């Protein structure tokens, strides 16, 4: 065995086969035609083969191909996590917009996949390094023979590409040929990162031309709460069998919209859509627009943004920092190695309310039900047990669900406490809540877990959507409360409706206001459900690749 590893010719072939492993896996996981599968193997294999023949120094050649090995490792981990799909644009963007603590929480649960890629890639890299240090070289005649073989295979690979394109008019290498598709997605991610960096410049002159329509005298307070990873199917307000909303279910003036769908299953897209009038059909215009906080400021409101998340160096930060007052408490807790609970946002709200501004907007971005679930609530609040261990394995599904449902009860308590604070002011007040996206928790035979998969599931996009109005508010604006009750059974897009519902509640008029998207307007109407894919295309759900199980649940909810 040792002599096999010491043989440069053996290592030469090993390196090529290691590089092609992701393509083999994708041929089993992706819905490709036979011609596309053949091309997905033959063309990349022949290219790696040809490149490896360009130098006698086979160790150095493998290290020069390391970027492809890295992408292959990333792809294998992604397949372990989601079961299908190539590395999407959003996956690359998640690398730069997800904070390190979230990354480590997830990596700790991916040890089998990480172990697999280490076993697959580390030994070849080690032998390649040894070959470089010991100056091992391949024979010229060996390279000549293999270069000819690689050349003919490359010609066959190019022919297979032409056949794949002729068989399927929708076929494109940038979408279906690994690693071309991943490199294309990486380029798109880079382009979007550059656009994000220029945001303050490109949005500098944007105005909503907003103005208030409510009377000046009464004090008004509006609280917008953006949750995290909370799926509607675990809210008893939305029909769940467990009592996960013991406090909110008793609140007068609360309306729950049980059929709300997010247009994205990723935080870095869904939250900016909630905090602006941008949604799936015009998402690319986000680089030139400002958020809901600026709209309220133009209408004379004092604004505050409080977050229990870290900076993500993108639109969530951009829109949040438009506020007169903003704080990210998780950033402040970094030095103490602390993971704050969402209730630590409440003292900030109390202080803000005590300032007594006549017109106030407070926006909260919570940490909600983000994995690890049991870390999102104090152990004293654990109702459903056992909630440990909550390892990301299907055999722990009951424990995971218990912990997740405890986090929903904790959100219920948080929102009820916010409502109590607003009640104490005895003014016109309203609270609007939704979550950025949902979550898979090994719910069916697919055994899906977490969110942000390139192809969404029903559980990842079905979210809670709540509107609460104070007694004073309902007396002064009875038509808005009546409209909310009238619309509560309708299908809504949380991404499209959150902004327009917020400005509708506050009586802020502006050219971009669209009352057909406001759930507190008699003009509200249902729109076709859309999903924003990783290429920023607004797709009907039927075109997303969602499974039969997803549509069965969607149709059940819409009946």
Protein backbone atom coordinates (compact mmCIF):
# COMPACT_ATOMS: atom_id res chain seq x y z
CA UNK A 1 0.00 0.00 0.00
CA UNK A 2 2.84 2.34 0.86
CA UNK A 3 4.46 1.72 -2.53
CA UNK A 4 1.12 2.53 -4.20
CA UNK A 5 1.01 5.93 -2.49
CA UNK A 6 4.63 6.57 -3.43
CA UNK A 7 3.92 5.98 -7.11
CA UNK A 8 3.49 9.28 -8.95
CA UNK A 9 1.44 7.70 -11.73
CA UNK A 10 -1.05 6.33 -9.25
CA UNK A 11 -1.31 9.72 -7.54
CA UNK A 12 -1.81 11.39 -10.93
CA UNK A 13 -4.96 9.32 -11.58
CA UNK A 14 -6.12 9.62 -7.96
CA UNK A 15 -6.11 13.41 -8.13
CA UNK A 16 -8.31 13.40 -11.23
CA UNK A 17 -10.84 11.04 -9.69
CA UNK A 18 -10.96 13.05 -6.45
CA UNK A 19 -11.76 16.19 -8.42
CA UNK A 20 -14.65 14.52 -10.27
CA UNK A 21 -16.41 13.13 -7.14
CA UNK A 22 -18.86 16.09 -6.81
CA UNK A 23 -19.97 15.59 -10.42
CA UNK A 24 -20.72 11.94 -9.72
CA UNK A 25 -22.79 12.90 -6.68
CA UNK A 26 -24.68 15.61 -8.59
CA UNK A 27 -25.63 13.14 -11.29
CA UNK A 28 -27.59 11.27 -8.60
CA UNK A 29 -29.11 14.31 -6.87
CA UNK A 30 -30.01 16.66 -9.75
CA UNK A 31 -32.87 16.32 -12.27
CA UNK A 32 -30.61 16.23 -15.34
CA UNK A 33 -31.25 14.60 -18.69
CA UNK A 34 -29.11 11.60 -19.66
CA UNK A 35 -27.16 13.81 -22.09
CA UNK A 36 -26.62 16.45 -19.39
CA UNK A 37 -25.40 13.81 -16.94
CA UNK A 38 -22.95 12.46 -19.48
CA UNK A 39 -21.65 15.96 -20.15
CA UNK A 40 -21.46 16.66 -16.41
CA UNK A 41 -19.02 13.76 -16.08
CA UNK A 42 -17.14 13.69 -19.35
CA UNK A 43 -16.30 17.35 -19.95
CA UNK A 44 -15.01 18.26 -16.43
CA UNK A 45 -13.16 14.93 -16.18
CA UNK A 46 -11.40 15.48 -19.49
CA UNK A 47 -10.49 19.06 -18.54
CA UNK A 48 -8.97 17.98 -15.21
CA UNK A 49 -7.22 15.16 -17.04
CA UNK A 50 -5.76 17.50 -19.66
CA UNK A 51 -4.64 20.06 -17.10
CA UNK A 52 -2.86 17.40 -15.03
CA UNK A 53 -0.76 16.47 -18.11
CA UNK A 54 0.65 19.98 -18.51
CA UNK A 55 3.50 19.50 -16.05
CA UNK A 56 5.77 16.74 -14.82
CA UNK A 57 5.36 18.26 -11.37
CA UNK A 58 2.06 16.52 -10.65
CA UNK A 59 2.03 17.68 -7.00
CA UNK A 60 2.17 21.32 -8.03
CA UNK A 61 -0.54 20.79 -10.67
CA UNK A 62 -2.90 19.36 -8.07
CA UNK A 63 -2.30 22.35 -5.81
CA UNK A 64 -2.96 24.68 -8.75
CA UNK A 65 -6.31 22.90 -9.10
CA UNK A 66 -7.00 23.36 -5.38
CA UNK A 67 -9.80 25.94 -5.99
CA UNK A 68 -11.76 23.16 -7.72
CA UNK A 69 -11.07 20.82 -4.81
CA UNK A 70 -12.33 23.51 -2.43
CA UNK A 71 -15.51 23.99 -4.45
CA UNK A 72 -15.95 20.23 -4.54
CA UNK A 73 -15.68 20.00 -0.75
CA UNK A 74 -18.16 22.87 -0.36
CA UNK A 75 -20.54 21.12 -2.77
CA UNK A 76 -20.37 17.81 -0.91
CA UNK A 77 -21.18 19.53 2.40
CA UNK A 78 -24.09 21.32 0.75
CA UNK A 79 -25.45 18.04 -0.61
CA UNK A 80 -25.19 16.51 2.87
CA UNK A 81 -27.09 19.46 4.32
CA UNK A 82 -29.85 19.87 1.73
CA UNK A 83 -29.75 16.69 -0.35
CA UNK A 84 -29.64 18.44 -3.72
CA UNK A 85 -28.65 21.54 -5.72
CA UNK A 86 -25.40 23.23 -6.60
CA UNK A 87 -23.77 26.00 -4.58
CA UNK A 88 -26.11 28.92 -5.17
CA UNK A 89 -25.32 32.63 -5.31
CA UNK A 90 -27.01 33.03 -1.95
CA UNK A 91 -24.72 30.42 -0.40
CA UNK A 92 -21.70 32.51 -1.34
CA UNK A 93 -23.38 35.66 -0.05
CA UNK A 94 -24.18 33.84 3.20
CA UNK A 95 -20.43 33.39 3.70
CA UNK A 96 -19.97 37.14 3.91
CA UNK A 97 -23.27 38.13 5.56
CA UNK A 98 -23.55 35.40 8.24
CA UNK A 99 -21.76 36.11 11.50
CA UNK A 100 -19.13 33.75 12.83
CA UNK A 101 -21.17 32.47 15.77
CA UNK A 102 -23.92 31.24 13.43
CA UNK A 103 -21.32 29.55 11.25
CA UNK A 104 -19.80 27.66 14.19
CA UNK A 105 -23.24 26.66 15.48
CA UNK A 106 -23.92 25.06 12.11
CA UNK A 107 -20.48 23.54 11.54
CA UNK A 108 -20.68 21.74 14.85
CA UNK A 109 -23.68 19.86 13.48
CA UNK A 110 -22.07 18.97 10.14
CA UNK A 111 -19.26 16.82 11.45
CA UNK A 112 -20.10 13.76 9.28
CA UNK A 113 -19.96 15.85 6.08
CA UNK A 114 -16.84 17.66 7.21
CA UNK A 115 -15.23 14.35 8.10
CA UNK A 116 -16.05 12.99 4.65
CA UNK A 117 -14.44 15.89 2.80
CA UNK A 118 -11.38 15.77 5.06
CA UNK A 119 -10.90 12.08 4.32
CA UNK A 120 -11.45 12.67 0.62
CA UNK A 121 -9.25 15.72 0.09
CA UNK A 122 -6.61 15.91 2.81
CA UNK A 123 -4.60 12.77 1.87
CA UNK A 124 -4.20 13.84 -1.81
CA UNK A 125 -3.15 17.32 -0.71
CA UNK A 126 -0.61 15.83 1.69
CA UNK A 127 0.84 13.49 -0.96
CA UNK A 128 0.94 16.37 -3.45
CA UNK A 129 2.89 18.45 -0.94
CA UNK A 130 5.33 15.60 -0.34
CA UNK A 131 5.76 15.19 -4.10
CA UNK A 132 6.63 18.88 -4.41
CA UNK A 133 9.11 18.82 -1.52
CA UNK A 134 10.81 15.65 -2.75
CA UNK A 135 10.77 16.91 -6.34
CA UNK A 136 8.98 13.86 -7.69
CA UNK A 137 8.31 14.07 -11.42
CA UNK A 138 6.34 12.11 -14.01
CA UNK A 139 8.01 10.55 -17.06
CA UNK A 140 7.69 12.41 -20.37
CA UNK A 141 6.36 9.36 -22.23
CA UNK A 142 3.67 8.86 -19.55
CA UNK A 143 2.53 12.47 -19.98
CA UNK A 144 2.52 12.23 -23.79
CA UNK A 145 0.27 9.18 -23.79
CA UNK A 146 -2.12 10.64 -21.25
CA UNK A 147 -2.17 14.04 -22.95
CA UNK A 148 -3.41 12.37 -26.15
CA UNK A 149 -6.07 10.48 -24.22
CA UNK A 150 -7.14 13.64 -22.43
CA UNK A 151 -7.33 15.56 -25.70
CA UNK A 152 -9.65 13.01 -27.32
CA UNK A 153 -11.77 12.88 -24.15
CA UNK A 154 -12.01 16.69 -24.24
CA UNK A 155 -13.30 16.56 -27.81
CA UNK A 156 -15.86 13.97 -26.73
CA UNK A 157 -16.76 16.21 -23.77
CA UNK A 158 -17.39 19.20 -26.02
CA UNK A 159 -19.55 17.01 -28.28
CA UNK A 160 -21.54 15.90 -25.23
CA UNK A 161 -22.07 19.57 -24.34
CA UNK A 162 -23.52 20.20 -27.79
CA UNK A 163 -25.75 17.13 -27.52
CA UNK A 164 -27.04 18.20 -24.09
CA UNK A 165 -27.92 21.65 -25.43
CA UNK A 166 -29.68 20.18 -28.48
CA UNK A 167 -31.70 17.68 -26.43
CA UNK A 168 -32.88 20.33 -23.93
CA UNK A 169 -33.42 23.90 -25.13
CA UNK A 170 -33.30 25.06 -21.49
CA UNK A 171 -29.88 23.54 -20.88
CA UNK A 172 -27.08 25.97 -20.05
CA UNK A 173 -23.62 25.17 -18.70
CA UNK A 174 -23.82 28.13 -16.33
CA UNK A 175 -26.76 26.43 -14.59
CA UNK A 176 -26.22 22.68 -15.01
CA UNK A 177 -22.52 21.92 -15.53
CA UNK A 178 -20.35 21.68 -12.43
CA UNK A 179 -18.10 23.57 -11.75
CA UNK A 180 -19.07 26.10 -14.48
CA UNK A 181 -22.36 26.79 -12.70
CA UNK A 182 -20.67 27.35 -9.36
CA UNK A 183 -18.06 29.68 -10.86
CA UNK A 184 -20.84 31.62 -12.56
CA UNK A 185 -22.68 31.89 -9.24
CA UNK A 186 -19.50 33.01 -7.49
CA UNK A 187 -19.13 35.76 -10.09
CA UNK A 188 -22.71 36.91 -9.50
CA UNK A 189 -22.12 36.92 -5.74
CA UNK A 190 -19.01 39.07 -6.22
CA UNK A 191 -20.93 41.47 -8.44
CA UNK A 192 -23.68 41.83 -5.84
CA UNK A 193 -21.14 42.36 -3.05
CA UNK A 194 -19.58 45.19 -5.06
CA UNK A 195 -23.02 46.71 -5.60
CA UNK A 196 -23.74 46.45 -1.89
CA UNK A 197 -20.48 48.21 -1.04
CA UNK A 198 -21.61 51.12 -3.24
CA UNK A 199 -25.08 51.28 -1.63
CA UNK A 200 -24.63 54.55 0.23
CA UNK A 201 -23.59 56.21 -3.00
CA UNK A 202 -26.26 54.70 -5.26
CA UNK A 203 -29.11 55.35 -2.79
CA UNK A 204 -27.98 58.78 -1.60
CA UNK A 205 -30.64 60.79 -3.42
CA UNK A 206 -33.59 58.47 -2.86
CA UNK A 207 -36.75 60.01 -1.42
CA UNK A 208 -40.15 58.50 -0.66
CA UNK A 209 -41.86 61.93 -0.74
CA UNK A 210 -43.79 60.64 2.27
CA UNK A 211 -46.23 62.74 4.28
CA UNK A 212 -48.54 61.96 7.20
CA UNK A 213 -52.32 61.85 6.89
CA UNK A 214 -53.22 61.18 10.53
CA UNK A 215 -54.06 64.13 12.82
CA UNK A 216 -51.05 65.80 14.43
CA UNK A 217 -52.27 65.94 18.02
CA UNK A 218 -52.63 62.31 19.23
CA UNK A 219 -49.47 60.46 20.12
CA UNK A 220 -48.79 57.47 17.84
CA UNK A 221 -46.43 54.54 18.39
CA UNK A 222 -45.73 51.76 15.90
CA UNK A 223 -43.55 48.74 16.63
CA UNK A 224 -42.35 46.51 13.81
CA UNK A 225 -40.87 43.18 14.85
CA UNK A 226 -38.91 41.04 12.40
CA UNK A 227 -38.51 37.53 13.74
CA UNK A 228 -35.96 34.89 12.80
CA UNK A 229 -36.55 31.34 11.53
CA UNK A 230 -40.10 31.11 12.85
CA UNK A 231 -42.44 28.92 10.84
CA UNK A 232 -46.19 29.34 11.03
CA UNK A 233 -46.87 25.62 11.38
CA UNK A 234 -45.59 25.70 14.96
CA UNK A 235 -47.79 28.63 16.01
CA UNK A 236 -51.06 27.63 17.68
CA UNK A 237 -52.48 30.91 16.33
CA UNK A 238 -52.02 29.31 12.90
CA UNK A 239 -53.65 26.01 13.83
CA UNK A 240 -50.80 24.09 15.48
CA UNK A 241 -51.95 21.45 17.97
CA UNK A 242 -49.56 22.46 20.74
CA UNK A 243 -50.25 25.60 22.77
CA UNK A 244 -47.26 27.65 21.66
CA UNK A 245 -49.13 30.99 21.90
CA UNK A 246 -50.73 30.98 25.36
CA UNK A 247 -50.47 34.76 25.78
CA UNK A 248 -51.04 36.14 22.31
CA UNK A 249 -54.14 33.96 21.86
CA UNK A 250 -55.79 36.00 24.65
CA UNK A 251 -54.94 39.43 23.25
CA UNK A 252 -57.78 41.67 22.13
CA UNK A 253 -57.06 43.53 18.92
CA UNK A 254 -54.70 40.84 17.57
CA UNK A 255 -55.22 39.48 14.06
CA UNK A 256 -53.27 36.46 12.82
CA UNK A 257 -52.83 35.79 9.12
CA UNK A 258 -52.34 32.05 8.90
CA UNK A 259 -51.55 31.83 5.18
CA UNK A 260 -48.52 34.09 4.84
CA UNK A 261 -45.60 33.13 2.60
CA UNK A 262 -42.13 34.67 2.50
CA UNK A 263 -40.57 35.30 -0.90
CA UNK A 264 -37.16 34.11 0.31
CA UNK A 265 -35.78 31.48 2.68
CA UNK A 266 -32.58 33.47 3.35
CA UNK A 267 -32.17 36.21 5.95
CA UNK A 268 -29.99 38.47 3.80
CA UNK A 269 -32.82 38.76 1.24
CA UNK A 270 -35.99 38.33 3.25
CA UNK A 271 -35.28 40.93 5.94
CA UNK A 272 -34.37 43.71 3.45
CA UNK A 273 -37.63 42.98 1.62
CA UNK A 274 -39.54 43.31 4.89
CA UNK A 275 -37.80 46.59 5.69
CA UNK A 276 -38.39 48.20 2.29
CA UNK A 277 -41.02 48.38 -0.45
CA UNK A 278 -38.83 46.13 -2.62
CA UNK A 279 -39.95 42.55 -3.11
CA UNK A 280 -39.27 39.69 -5.53
CA UNK A 281 -40.30 41.25 -8.90
CA UNK A 282 -38.08 44.32 -8.44
CA UNK A 283 -35.48 43.10 -5.97
CA UNK A 284 -32.51 44.33 -8.00
CA UNK A 285 -33.70 47.91 -7.45
CA UNK A 286 -32.76 47.55 -3.78
CA UNK A 287 -29.33 49.07 -4.47
CA UNK A 288 -30.99 52.41 -5.21
CA UNK A 289 -33.71 52.56 -2.55
CA UNK A 290 -34.00 53.21 1.16
CA UNK A 291 -36.05 51.45 3.80
CA UNK A 292 -39.23 51.81 5.80
CA UNK A 293 -37.42 53.73 8.54
CA UNK A 294 -36.62 56.55 6.12
CA UNK A 295 -40.25 56.63 4.99
CA UNK A 296 -41.36 57.14 8.61
CA UNK A 297 -38.67 59.77 9.16
CA UNK A 298 -39.86 61.74 6.13
CA UNK A 299 -43.36 61.67 7.66
CA UNK A 300 -42.10 63.22 10.89
CA UNK A 301 -41.56 60.14 13.07
CA UNK A 302 -38.71 59.66 15.49
CA UNK A 303 -37.24 56.25 14.71
CA UNK A 304 -35.27 53.55 16.51
CA UNK A 305 -33.81 50.22 15.39
CA UNK A 306 -32.74 47.59 17.91
CA UNK A 307 -31.26 44.27 16.83
CA UNK A 308 -30.28 41.06 18.60
CA UNK A 309 -28.15 40.07 15.62
CA UNK A 310 -24.65 41.00 14.59
CA UNK A 311 -23.72 43.21 11.71
CA UNK A 312 -24.11 41.48 8.36
CA UNK A 313 -22.46 44.24 6.31
CA UNK A 314 -25.41 44.51 3.96
CA UNK A 315 -28.95 45.85 3.66
CA UNK A 316 -30.14 44.88 7.13
CA UNK A 317 -27.43 47.12 8.55
CA UNK A 318 -28.01 49.81 5.92
CA UNK A 319 -31.75 50.03 6.59
CA UNK A 320 -31.38 49.71 10.37
CA UNK A 321 -28.82 52.51 10.59
CA UNK A 322 -31.22 54.90 8.86
CA UNK A 323 -32.88 55.25 12.28
CA UNK A 324 -32.32 58.19 14.63
CA UNK A 325 -31.28 55.65 17.28
CA UNK A 326 -29.86 52.20 16.54
CA UNK A 327 -28.13 49.47 18.51
CA UNK A 328 -27.00 45.89 17.83
CA UNK A 329 -26.87 44.31 21.27
CA UNK A 330 -25.16 41.12 20.12
CA UNK A 331 -22.22 43.18 18.89
CA UNK A 332 -22.05 44.91 22.26
CA UNK A 333 -22.09 41.55 24.05
CA UNK A 334 -19.18 40.16 22.02
CA UNK A 335 -16.52 40.99 24.57
CA UNK A 336 -18.32 39.02 27.25
CA UNK A 337 -18.78 36.01 24.96
CA UNK A 338 -22.49 36.36 25.59
CA UNK A 339 -25.45 35.20 23.54
CA UNK A 340 -28.22 37.64 24.51
CA UNK A 341 -31.82 36.52 24.68
CA UNK A 342 -34.40 38.55 22.77
CA UNK A 343 -35.92 39.88 25.99
CA UNK A 344 -32.80 42.00 26.42
CA UNK A 345 -34.24 44.24 23.71
CA UNK A 346 -37.13 45.19 26.00
CA UNK A 347 -35.23 47.68 28.23
CA UNK A 348 -34.24 49.55 25.05
CA UNK A 349 -37.90 49.75 24.06
CA UNK A 350 -38.85 50.97 27.55
CA UNK A 351 -36.23 53.71 27.39
CA UNK A 352 -37.34 54.72 23.90
CA UNK A 353 -40.99 54.92 24.90
CA UNK A 354 -40.06 57.00 27.95
CA UNK A 355 -38.68 59.72 25.65
CA UNK A 356 -42.29 60.60 24.84
CA UNK A 357 -41.95 61.48 21.18
CA UNK A 358 -45.33 62.37 19.67
CA UNK A 359 -44.76 60.14 16.65
CA UNK A 360 -42.59 57.06 17.18
CA UNK A 361 -41.44 54.06 15.19
CA UNK A 362 -39.49 51.24 16.86
CA UNK A 363 -38.15 48.38 14.75
CA UNK A 364 -36.86 45.20 16.40
CA UNK A 365 -34.85 42.45 14.72
CA UNK A 366 -34.85 39.42 17.01
CA UNK A 367 -32.89 36.15 17.03
CA UNK A 368 -36.14 34.22 17.36
CA UNK A 369 -35.85 30.49 16.69
CA UNK A 370 -32.45 30.30 15.02
CA UNK A 371 -30.64 27.00 15.50
CA UNK A 372 -29.43 25.99 18.15
CA UNK A 373 -33.02 26.20 19.33
CA UNK A 374 -32.48 25.50 23.03
CA UNK A 375 -30.19 28.54 23.26
CA UNK A 376 -33.01 30.93 22.30
CA UNK A 377 -34.88 30.76 25.61
CA UNK A 378 -33.99 30.41 29.31
CA UNK A 379 -34.20 26.86 30.57
CA UNK A 380 -36.83 28.01 33.07
CA UNK A 381 -39.11 28.69 30.08
CA UNK A 382 -38.81 25.16 28.70
CA UNK A 383 -42.33 23.77 28.46
CA UNK A 384 -41.85 20.88 26.06
CA UNK A 385 -39.34 18.26 27.20
CA UNK A 386 -36.92 16.71 26.55
CA UNK A 387 -35.28 19.53 24.62
CA UNK A 388 -31.77 18.02 24.71
CA UNK A 389 -29.80 16.84 22.89
CA UNK A 390 -30.80 18.78 19.80
CA UNK A 391 -28.14 17.46 17.43
CA UNK A 392 -28.96 17.82 13.75
CA UNK A 393 -29.93 14.18 13.28
CA UNK A 394 -33.28 12.71 12.37
CA UNK A 395 -33.31 10.45 15.44
CA UNK A 396 -33.39 13.57 17.63
CA UNK A 397 -36.33 15.05 15.77
CA UNK A 398 -38.65 15.03 18.82
CA UNK A 399 -36.03 16.78 20.96
CA UNK A 400 -35.41 19.33 18.20
CA UNK A 401 -39.14 19.97 17.85
CA UNK A 402 -39.54 20.40 21.61
CA UNK A 403 -36.72 22.94 21.71
CA UNK A 404 -38.07 24.71 18.62
CA UNK A 405 -41.58 24.94 20.08
CA UNK A 406 -40.14 26.30 23.32
CA UNK A 407 -38.51 29.07 21.28
CA UNK A 408 -41.90 29.86 19.72
CA UNK A 409 -43.47 30.12 23.19
CA UNK A 410 -40.64 32.44 24.16
CA UNK A 411 -41.42 34.64 21.14
CA UNK A 412 -45.07 34.58 22.20
CA UNK A 413 -44.05 35.89 25.63
CA UNK A 414 -41.80 38.56 24.11
CA UNK A 415 -44.53 39.90 21.83
CA UNK A 416 -47.07 39.86 24.66
CA UNK A 417 -44.68 41.91 26.83
CA UNK A 418 -44.20 44.40 24.00
CA UNK A 419 -47.96 44.71 23.68
CA UNK A 420 -48.24 45.31 27.43
CA UNK A 421 -45.70 48.14 27.14
CA UNK A 422 -47.76 49.71 24.37
CA UNK A 423 -50.99 49.30 26.34
CA UNK A 424 -49.47 51.21 29.23
CA UNK A 425 -49.00 54.28 27.02
CA UNK A 426 -52.77 54.43 26.37
CA UNK A 427 -52.21 56.01 22.95
CA UNK A 428 -52.80 55.07 19.33
CA UNK A 429 -50.44 52.12 18.95
CA UNK A 430 -49.98 49.13 16.71
CA UNK A 431 -47.55 46.25 16.45
CA UNK A 432 -46.70 44.30 13.30
CA UNK A 433 -44.81 40.99 13.44
CA UNK A 434 -43.58 38.46 10.94
CA UNK A 435 -40.57 36.20 10.54
CA UNK A 436 -37.97 36.36 7.78
CA UNK A 437 -38.48 32.69 6.85
CA UNK A 438 -39.29 29.32 8.36
CA UNK A 439 -37.36 26.11 8.93
CA UNK A 440 -37.26 22.41 8.09
CA UNK A 441 -37.04 20.03 11.05
CA UNK A 442 -36.97 16.56 9.49
CA UNK A 443 -40.70 16.89 8.83
CA UNK A 444 -41.22 14.24 6.15
CA UNK A 445 -39.53 11.46 4.21
CA UNK A 446 -37.11 13.97 2.63
CA UNK A 447 -35.53 14.55 6.06
CA UNK A 448 -34.75 18.20 5.33
CA UNK A 449 -33.24 20.39 8.03
CA UNK A 450 -32.64 24.12 8.52
CA UNK A 451 -33.33 26.74 5.82
CA UNK A 452 -31.65 28.62 2.95
CA UNK A 453 -31.60 25.57 0.69
CA UNK A 454 -31.34 26.46 -3.03
CA UNK A 455 -34.80 24.93 -3.53
CA UNK A 456 -37.22 26.06 -0.80
CA UNK A 457 -39.70 23.89 1.03
CA UNK A 458 -43.16 24.76 2.34
CA UNK A 459 -41.88 24.88 5.91
CA UNK A 460 -39.15 27.36 4.94
CA UNK A 461 -41.51 29.93 3.42
CA UNK A 462 -44.70 29.58 5.52
CA UNK A 463 -44.38 32.23 8.22
CA UNK A 464 -46.55 33.83 10.93
CA UNK A 465 -47.89 37.33 10.27
CA UNK A 466 -49.59 39.28 13.09
CA UNK A 467 -51.12 42.73 13.52
CA UNK A 468 -52.11 44.09 16.92
CA UNK A 469 -53.96 47.38 17.43
CA UNK A 470 -54.54 49.14 20.74
CA UNK A 471 -58.04 50.03 21.99
CA UNK A 472 -57.42 53.70 21.17
CA UNK A 473 -56.22 52.83 17.69
CA UNK A 474 -59.22 50.63 16.92
CA UNK A 475 -61.60 53.35 18.06
CA UNK A 476 -59.93 55.95 15.87
CA UNK A 477 -59.36 53.72 12.83
CA UNK A 478 -62.11 51.09 12.87
CA UNK A 479 -61.99 50.53 9.10
CA UNK A 480 -58.37 49.34 9.32
CA UNK A 481 -59.22 46.81 12.03
CA UNK A 482 -62.27 45.65 10.08
CA UNK A 483 -60.11 45.22 6.98
CA UNK A 484 -57.58 43.16 8.92
CA UNK A 485 -60.33 40.82 10.08
CA UNK A 486 -61.71 40.64 6.55
CA UNK A 487 -58.30 39.74 5.07
CA UNK A 488 -57.04 37.31 7.71
CA UNK A 489 -57.99 34.15 5.76
CA UNK A 490 -56.41 35.33 2.53
CA UNK A 491 -52.99 34.28 1.21
CA UNK A 492 -50.48 37.08 1.62
CA UNK A 493 -46.85 37.66 0.82
CA UNK A 494 -45.09 38.74 4.00
CA UNK A 495 -42.26 40.17 1.88
CA UNK A 496 -44.61 42.36 -0.15
CA UNK A 497 -47.15 43.24 2.55
CA UNK A 498 -45.02 44.12 5.59
CA UNK A 499 -43.90 47.55 4.33
CA UNK A 500 -47.27 48.58 2.91
CA UNK A 501 -49.11 47.38 6.02
CA UNK A 502 -46.74 49.40 8.23
CA UNK A 503 -47.19 52.66 6.33
CA UNK A 504 -50.92 51.96 6.07
CA UNK A 505 -51.18 51.59 9.85
CA UNK A 506 -49.27 54.85 10.35
CA UNK A 507 -51.30 56.74 7.74
CA UNK A 508 -48.22 57.62 5.70
CA UNK A 509 -48.94 58.46 2.10
CA UNK A 510 -46.36 58.31 -0.70
CA UNK A 511 -46.21 57.49 -4.41
CA UNK A 512 -44.97 53.91 -3.84
CA UNK A 513 -47.67 53.04 -1.30
CA UNK A 514 -49.79 50.16 -2.58
CA UNK A 515 -52.91 49.43 -0.56
CA UNK A 516 -53.59 46.25 -2.52
CA UNK A 517 -50.63 44.84 -0.57
CA UNK A 518 -51.67 46.20 2.85
CA UNK A 519 -53.54 43.67 4.98
CA UNK A 520 -55.23 46.52 6.91
CA UNK A 521 -56.75 48.01 3.75
CA UNK A 522 -60.16 47.17 2.24
CA UNK A 523 -58.36 47.33 -1.12
CA UNK A 524 -56.09 44.38 -0.32
CA UNK A 525 -56.18 41.58 -2.85
CA UNK A 526 -54.39 38.28 -3.18
CA UNK A 527 -51.44 38.14 -5.57
CA UNK A 528 -49.74 35.14 -7.12
CA UNK A 529 -47.21 33.62 -4.73
CA UNK A 530 -43.62 34.27 -5.82
CA UNK A 531 -40.18 33.13 -4.76
CA UNK A 532 -36.93 35.04 -5.28
CA UNK A 533 -34.34 32.56 -6.50
CA UNK A 534 -30.58 32.89 -6.17
CA UNK A 535 -30.34 34.62 -9.58
CA UNK A 536 -32.89 37.19 -8.30
CA UNK A 537 -35.64 35.91 -10.58
CA UNK A 538 -39.19 36.19 -9.25
CA UNK A 539 -40.50 32.69 -9.88
CA UNK A 540 -44.00 31.27 -9.46
CA UNK A 541 -43.79 28.55 -6.83
CA UNK A 542 -44.50 25.97 -9.53
CA UNK A 543 -41.15 26.83 -11.16
CA UNK A 544 -38.98 26.63 -8.04
CA UNK A 545 -38.50 22.86 -7.96
CA UNK A 546 -40.53 22.46 -4.76
CA UNK A 547 -41.75 18.93 -4.10
CA UNK A 548 -45.15 17.30 -4.13
CA UNK A 549 -45.24 17.36 -0.33
CA UNK A 550 -44.82 21.14 -0.40
CA UNK A 551 -47.68 21.74 -2.82
CA UNK A 552 -49.95 19.36 -0.93
CA UNK A 553 -49.44 21.48 2.20
CA UNK A 554 -49.77 24.76 0.30
CA UNK A 555 -53.03 23.67 -1.29
CA UNK A 556 -54.34 22.46 2.06
CA UNK A 557 -53.67 25.88 3.59
CA UNK A 558 -55.32 27.73 0.72
CA UNK A 559 -58.55 25.71 0.87
